[in-house]
Amino acid sequence: MSRPQEEFREFVKIRVATLHRNAYLLCGDWHLANDLVQEALSKTFRNWQRVQRADSPDAYILINESSRYWRARRNLAPYLDAGEHEAVTPDATDEIVYRAGPLQALLSLPARQRATGVLCA
């Protein structure tokens, strides 16, 4: 395995849980968050050297991928209407991530403000 591949693999091992959590906080849906992270990591691997130079690789990865996702679906009805998102199926990570009040407040923000809040916290 080449040096860049090893570096990428180590990055993924260390950061994947945080990427999933942040992606969830950006979109409010675990399944979509998994899709965003998967797609973001596949694109990150192809551009690994450029991503490594970013000040905040996590933010670079997720903001770029979530922006692509929302741009591609711009003509659809807004995904996150504060009162109409799907209920999340509880799992073990809910203790860490899901806090009803703050999460609802976060999901009610416009996408850019939500991204700023999630990635700067």
N, C-alpha and C. Protein backbone atom coordinates (compact mmCIF):
# COMPACT_ATOMS: atom_id res chain seq x y z
N MET A 1 0.84 -1.17 0.00
CA MET A 1 0.00 0.00 0.00
C MET A 1 0.89 1.24 0.00
N SER A 2 0.52 2.23 -0.80
CA SER A 2 1.33 3.44 -0.91
C SER A 2 1.17 4.33 0.32
N ARG A 3 2.08 5.26 0.47
CA ARG A 3 2.05 6.19 1.62
C ARG A 3 0.74 7.01 1.66
N PRO A 4 0.29 7.61 0.55
CA PRO A 4 -0.97 8.35 0.59
C PRO A 4 -2.17 7.47 0.98
N GLN A 5 -2.18 6.23 0.51
CA GLN A 5 -3.26 5.32 0.87
C GLN A 5 -3.26 5.03 2.37
N GLU A 6 -2.08 4.83 2.93
CA GLU A 6 -1.97 4.58 4.36
C GLU A 6 -2.42 5.81 5.15
N GLU A 7 -2.02 7.00 4.70
CA GLU A 7 -2.42 8.22 5.39
C GLU A 7 -3.94 8.40 5.34
N PHE A 8 -4.53 8.13 4.20
CA PHE A 8 -5.97 8.24 4.06
C PHE A 8 -6.68 7.24 4.97
N ARG A 9 -6.20 6.03 4.97
CA ARG A 9 -6.79 4.97 5.79
C ARG A 9 -6.75 5.36 7.28
N GLU A 10 -5.64 5.91 7.72
CA GLU A 10 -5.50 6.35 9.11
C GLU A 10 -6.46 7.51 9.40
N PHE A 11 -6.57 8.44 8.48
CA PHE A 11 -7.50 9.55 8.63
C PHE A 11 -8.93 9.04 8.81
N VAL A 12 -9.33 8.10 7.99
CA VAL A 12 -10.68 7.56 8.06
C VAL A 12 -10.90 6.87 9.40
N LYS A 13 -9.95 6.06 9.85
CA LYS A 13 -10.10 5.37 11.14
C LYS A 13 -10.31 6.37 12.28
N ILE A 14 -9.57 7.45 12.25
CA ILE A 14 -9.64 8.42 13.34
C ILE A 14 -10.89 9.30 13.25
N ARG A 15 -11.29 9.68 12.05
CA ARG A 15 -12.31 10.73 11.89
C ARG A 15 -13.69 10.26 11.47
N VAL A 16 -13.89 9.00 11.12
CA VAL A 16 -15.17 8.58 10.54
C VAL A 16 -16.34 8.78 11.49
N ALA A 17 -16.18 8.52 12.77
CA ALA A 17 -17.29 8.71 13.71
C ALA A 17 -17.69 10.18 13.79
N THR A 18 -16.71 11.06 13.82
CA THR A 18 -16.99 12.50 13.85
C THR A 18 -17.64 12.95 12.56
N LEU A 19 -17.17 12.43 11.44
CA LEU A 19 -17.78 12.78 10.15
C LEU A 19 -19.25 12.36 10.12
N HIS A 20 -19.56 11.16 10.60
CA HIS A 20 -20.95 10.70 10.63
C HIS A 20 -21.80 11.59 11.53
N ARG A 21 -21.29 11.91 12.70
CA ARG A 21 -22.04 12.75 13.63
C ARG A 21 -22.30 14.13 13.02
N ASN A 22 -21.28 14.73 12.44
CA ASN A 22 -21.44 16.05 11.84
C ASN A 22 -22.36 16.02 10.64
N ALA A 23 -22.26 14.97 9.84
CA ALA A 23 -23.16 14.85 8.69
C ALA A 23 -24.61 14.73 9.16
N TYR A 24 -24.83 13.98 10.22
CA TYR A 24 -26.17 13.86 10.78
C TYR A 24 -26.68 15.22 11.27
N LEU A 25 -25.82 15.95 11.95
CA LEU A 25 -26.22 17.26 12.45
C LEU A 25 -26.50 18.23 11.30
N LEU A 26 -25.84 18.04 10.18
CA LEU A 26 -26.09 18.89 9.00
C LEU A 26 -27.43 18.58 8.34
N CYS A 27 -27.80 17.29 8.30
CA CYS A 27 -28.99 16.94 7.53
C CYS A 27 -30.14 16.38 8.36
N GLY A 28 -29.90 15.89 9.57
CA GLY A 28 -30.96 15.39 10.44
C GLY A 28 -31.48 14.01 10.09
N ASP A 29 -30.76 13.25 9.29
CA ASP A 29 -31.20 11.92 8.88
C ASP A 29 -29.99 11.00 8.84
N TRP A 30 -30.02 9.92 9.63
CA TRP A 30 -28.86 9.02 9.71
C TRP A 30 -28.54 8.37 8.37
N HIS A 31 -29.57 7.98 7.63
CA HIS A 31 -29.32 7.31 6.35
C HIS A 31 -28.68 8.26 5.35
N LEU A 32 -29.20 9.45 5.27
CA LEU A 32 -28.61 10.45 4.38
C LEU A 32 -27.21 10.81 4.85
N ALA A 33 -27.01 10.90 6.16
CA ALA A 33 -25.67 11.20 6.69
C ALA A 33 -24.68 10.11 6.27
N ASN A 34 -25.09 8.85 6.35
CA ASN A 34 -24.20 7.76 5.91
C ASN A 34 -23.87 7.88 4.43
N ASP A 35 -24.88 8.21 3.62
CA ASP A 35 -24.64 8.40 2.19
C ASP A 35 -23.67 9.55 1.93
N LEU A 36 -23.88 10.66 2.63
CA LEU A 36 -23.01 11.82 2.45
C LEU A 36 -21.56 11.49 2.82
N VAL A 37 -21.38 10.80 3.93
CA VAL A 37 -20.03 10.46 4.36
C VAL A 37 -19.39 9.49 3.38
N GLN A 38 -20.12 8.50 2.95
CA GLN A 38 -19.59 7.52 1.99
C GLN A 38 -19.15 8.20 0.70
N GLU A 39 -20.01 9.03 0.16
CA GLU A 39 -19.69 9.74 -1.08
C GLU A 39 -18.53 10.71 -0.87
N ALA A 40 -18.56 11.42 0.25
CA ALA A 40 -17.49 12.38 0.55
C ALA A 40 -16.14 11.68 0.67
N LEU A 41 -16.11 10.53 1.35
CA LEU A 41 -14.84 9.82 1.52
C LEU A 41 -14.33 9.25 0.21
N SER A 42 -15.22 8.80 -0.66
CA SER A 42 -14.74 8.29 -1.96
C SER A 42 -14.14 9.43 -2.78
N LYS A 43 -14.73 10.60 -2.73
CA LYS A 43 -14.18 11.75 -3.46
C LYS A 43 -12.92 12.27 -2.78
N THR A 44 -12.89 12.18 -1.47
CA THR A 44 -11.71 12.62 -0.72
C THR A 44 -10.51 11.76 -1.07
N PHE A 45 -10.72 10.47 -1.21
CA PHE A 45 -9.61 9.59 -1.56
C PHE A 45 -8.99 9.99 -2.90
N ARG A 46 -9.84 10.32 -3.86
CA ARG A 46 -9.33 10.72 -5.18
C ARG A 46 -8.57 12.04 -5.12
N ASN A 47 -8.87 12.89 -4.14
CA ASN A 47 -8.24 14.21 -4.02
C ASN A 47 -7.50 14.35 -2.69
N TRP A 48 -6.95 13.27 -2.20
CA TRP A 48 -6.40 13.24 -0.86
C TRP A 48 -5.32 14.28 -0.62
N GLN A 49 -4.43 14.48 -1.54
CA GLN A 49 -3.35 15.44 -1.31
C GLN A 49 -3.88 16.87 -1.16
N ARG A 50 -4.87 17.23 -1.92
CA ARG A 50 -5.47 18.57 -1.79
C ARG A 50 -6.23 18.68 -0.46
N VAL A 51 -6.95 17.65 -0.09
CA VAL A 51 -7.72 17.67 1.15
C VAL A 51 -6.79 17.79 2.34
N GLN A 52 -5.66 17.11 2.32
CA GLN A 52 -4.70 17.16 3.43
C GLN A 52 -4.22 18.59 3.68
N ARG A 53 -4.16 19.39 2.64
CA ARG A 53 -3.67 20.77 2.79
C ARG A 53 -4.73 21.70 3.37
N ALA A 54 -5.97 21.26 3.43
CA ALA A 54 -7.05 22.11 3.96
C ALA A 54 -6.84 22.35 5.45
N ASP A 55 -7.23 23.54 5.92
CA ASP A 55 -7.11 23.86 7.34
C ASP A 55 -7.95 22.93 8.20
N SER A 56 -9.14 22.58 7.72
CA SER A 56 -10.04 21.69 8.45
C SER A 56 -10.58 20.64 7.48
N PRO A 57 -9.89 19.50 7.35
CA PRO A 57 -10.34 18.49 6.40
C PRO A 57 -11.78 18.03 6.61
N ASP A 58 -12.23 17.90 7.86
CA ASP A 58 -13.61 17.47 8.11
C ASP A 58 -14.59 18.45 7.48
N ALA A 59 -14.40 19.72 7.75
CA ALA A 59 -15.30 20.74 7.21
C ALA A 59 -15.22 20.75 5.69
N TYR A 60 -14.02 20.67 5.14
CA TYR A 60 -13.82 20.67 3.69
C TYR A 60 -14.61 19.52 3.05
N ILE A 61 -14.49 18.34 3.65
CA ILE A 61 -15.15 17.16 3.10
C ILE A 61 -16.66 17.29 3.16
N LEU A 62 -17.20 17.58 4.33
CA LEU A 62 -18.65 17.57 4.50
C LEU A 62 -19.33 18.76 3.85
N ILE A 63 -18.76 19.93 3.94
CA ILE A 63 -19.40 21.09 3.32
C ILE A 63 -19.45 20.91 1.81
N ASN A 64 -18.38 20.45 1.21
CA ASN A 64 -18.38 20.25 -0.24
C ASN A 64 -19.41 19.21 -0.65
N GLU A 65 -19.46 18.10 0.05
CA GLU A 65 -20.38 17.04 -0.34
C GLU A 65 -21.83 17.41 -0.06
N SER A 66 -22.11 18.00 1.09
CA SER A 66 -23.49 18.37 1.37
C SER A 66 -23.95 19.48 0.42
N SER A 67 -23.05 20.38 0.05
CA SER A 67 -23.41 21.42 -0.93
C SER A 67 -23.76 20.81 -2.28
N ARG A 68 -22.97 19.83 -2.71
CA ARG A 68 -23.28 19.14 -3.97
C ARG A 68 -24.64 18.45 -3.89
N TYR A 69 -24.90 17.82 -2.76
CA TYR A 69 -26.16 17.11 -2.59
C TYR A 69 -27.33 18.07 -2.68
N TRP A 70 -27.28 19.18 -1.95
CA TRP A 70 -28.41 20.12 -1.93
C TRP A 70 -28.56 20.83 -3.28
N ARG A 71 -27.44 21.16 -3.94
CA ARG A 71 -27.53 21.78 -5.27
C ARG A 71 -28.22 20.85 -6.26
N ALA A 72 -27.92 19.57 -6.18
CA ALA A 72 -28.51 18.59 -7.11
C ALA A 72 -30.02 18.45 -6.88
N ARG A 73 -30.46 18.77 -5.71
CA ARG A 73 -31.88 18.61 -5.37
C ARG A 73 -32.58 19.95 -5.14
N ARG A 74 -32.00 21.01 -5.66
CA ARG A 74 -32.52 22.37 -5.44
C ARG A 74 -33.97 22.52 -5.85
N ASN A 75 -34.40 21.83 -6.88
CA ASN A 75 -35.76 21.99 -7.37
C ASN A 75 -36.79 21.19 -6.57
N LEU A 76 -36.32 20.35 -5.65
CA LEU A 76 -37.24 19.59 -4.81
C LEU A 76 -37.74 20.47 -3.67
N ALA A 77 -38.79 20.06 -3.03
CA ALA A 77 -39.28 20.78 -1.85
C ALA A 77 -38.16 20.80 -0.81
N PRO A 78 -38.09 21.84 0.00
CA PRO A 78 -37.04 21.90 1.02
C PRO A 78 -37.04 20.64 1.87
N TYR A 79 -35.87 20.07 2.04
CA TYR A 79 -35.75 18.79 2.74
C TYR A 79 -36.12 18.91 4.21
N LEU A 80 -35.62 19.93 4.86
CA LEU A 80 -35.84 20.04 6.30
C LEU A 80 -36.78 21.19 6.62
N ASP A 81 -38.04 20.91 6.60
CA ASP A 81 -39.01 21.84 7.15
C ASP A 81 -39.03 21.51 8.64
N ALA A 82 -38.87 22.49 9.49
CA ALA A 82 -38.65 22.25 10.92
C ALA A 82 -39.65 21.26 11.52
N GLY A 83 -40.86 21.16 11.00
CA GLY A 83 -41.82 20.26 11.61
C GLY A 83 -42.11 19.01 10.82
N GLU A 84 -41.44 18.79 9.71
CA GLU A 84 -41.81 17.68 8.85
C GLU A 84 -40.71 16.67 8.57
N HIS A 85 -39.64 16.63 9.34
CA HIS A 85 -38.61 15.63 9.07
C HIS A 85 -39.01 14.30 9.71
N GLU A 86 -38.47 13.23 9.14
CA GLU A 86 -38.81 11.89 9.61
C GLU A 86 -38.26 11.65 11.00
N ALA A 87 -38.97 10.84 11.75
CA ALA A 87 -38.48 10.45 13.06
C ALA A 87 -37.25 9.57 12.89
N VAL A 88 -36.28 9.76 13.76
CA VAL A 88 -35.05 8.98 13.71
C VAL A 88 -35.23 7.73 14.56
N THR A 89 -34.82 6.60 14.02
CA THR A 89 -34.88 5.35 14.78
C THR A 89 -33.79 5.38 15.84
N PRO A 90 -34.16 5.21 17.11
CA PRO A 90 -33.16 5.28 18.17
C PRO A 90 -32.09 4.20 18.02
N ASP A 91 -30.87 4.55 18.35
CA ASP A 91 -29.79 3.57 18.41
C ASP A 91 -28.83 3.99 19.51
N ALA A 92 -27.73 3.27 19.65
CA ALA A 92 -26.81 3.51 20.76
C ALA A 92 -26.19 4.90 20.73
N THR A 93 -26.05 5.50 19.58
CA THR A 93 -25.42 6.82 19.50
C THR A 93 -26.35 7.95 19.88
N ASP A 94 -27.63 7.67 20.07
CA ASP A 94 -28.56 8.72 20.45
C ASP A 94 -28.19 9.38 21.76
N GLU A 95 -27.62 8.63 22.67
CA GLU A 95 -27.18 9.21 23.94
C GLU A 95 -26.17 10.33 23.71
N ILE A 96 -25.34 10.17 22.70
CA ILE A 96 -24.28 11.13 22.42
C ILE A 96 -24.79 12.30 21.59
N VAL A 97 -25.50 12.01 20.52
CA VAL A 97 -25.86 13.02 19.55
C VAL A 97 -27.23 13.63 19.76
N TYR A 98 -28.22 12.84 20.05
CA TYR A 98 -29.59 13.32 20.02
C TYR A 98 -30.00 13.98 21.33
N ARG A 99 -30.16 15.25 21.29
CA ARG A 99 -30.71 16.04 22.38
C ARG A 99 -31.86 16.81 21.77
N ALA A 100 -33.08 16.46 22.14
CA ALA A 100 -34.29 16.94 21.46
C ALA A 100 -34.31 18.45 21.26
N GLY A 101 -34.15 19.22 22.29
CA GLY A 101 -34.25 20.67 22.16
C GLY A 101 -33.20 21.26 21.24
N PRO A 102 -31.92 21.06 21.57
CA PRO A 102 -30.87 21.63 20.72
C PRO A 102 -30.90 21.10 19.29
N LEU A 103 -31.22 19.82 19.12
CA LEU A 103 -31.27 19.27 17.77
C LEU A 103 -32.38 19.92 16.97
N GLN A 104 -33.55 20.08 17.57
CA GLN A 104 -34.66 20.72 16.86
C GLN A 104 -34.29 22.15 16.48
N ALA A 105 -33.64 22.86 17.39
CA ALA A 105 -33.22 24.23 17.10
C ALA A 105 -32.21 24.25 15.96
N LEU A 106 -31.28 23.32 15.98
CA LEU A 106 -30.27 23.23 14.93
C LEU A 106 -30.91 22.93 13.58
N LEU A 107 -31.86 22.00 13.56
CA LEU A 107 -32.50 21.62 12.31
C LEU A 107 -33.40 22.71 11.76
N SER A 108 -33.79 23.64 12.59
CA SER A 108 -34.65 24.73 12.11
C SER A 108 -33.85 25.84 11.42
N LEU A 109 -32.53 25.81 11.55
CA LEU A 109 -31.68 26.82 10.90
C LEU A 109 -31.55 26.56 9.41
N PRO A 110 -31.32 27.61 8.61
CA PRO A 110 -31.00 27.40 7.20
C PRO A 110 -29.70 26.59 7.08
N ALA A 111 -29.52 25.90 5.97
CA ALA A 111 -28.41 24.96 5.79
C ALA A 111 -27.05 25.59 6.08
N ARG A 112 -26.78 26.79 5.59
CA ARG A 112 -25.46 27.40 5.80
C ARG A 112 -25.22 27.73 7.26
N GLN A 113 -26.23 28.24 7.94
CA GLN A 113 -26.07 28.54 9.35
C GLN A 113 -25.88 27.26 10.16
N ARG A 114 -26.61 26.21 9.79
CA ARG A 114 -26.48 24.91 10.46
C ARG A 114 -25.07 24.38 10.26
N ALA A 115 -24.54 24.46 9.05
CA ALA A 115 -23.20 23.98 8.77
C ALA A 115 -22.16 24.76 9.59
N THR A 116 -22.33 26.05 9.68
CA THR A 116 -21.42 26.86 10.47
C THR A 116 -21.45 26.45 11.93
N GLY A 117 -22.63 26.28 12.47
CA GLY A 117 -22.77 25.87 13.85
C GLY A 117 -22.17 24.50 14.13
N VAL A 118 -22.41 23.57 13.26
CA VAL A 118 -21.94 22.19 13.46
C VAL A 118 -20.42 22.12 13.33
N LEU A 119 -19.86 22.74 12.32
CA LEU A 119 -18.45 22.58 12.03
C LEU A 119 -17.55 23.51 12.83
N CYS A 120 -18.11 24.54 13.41
CA CYS A 120 -17.29 25.47 14.23
C CYS A 120 -17.38 25.14 15.71
N ALA A 121 -18.25 24.21 16.06
CA ALA A 121 -18.42 23.89 17.48
C ALA A 121 -17.32 22.99 17.97
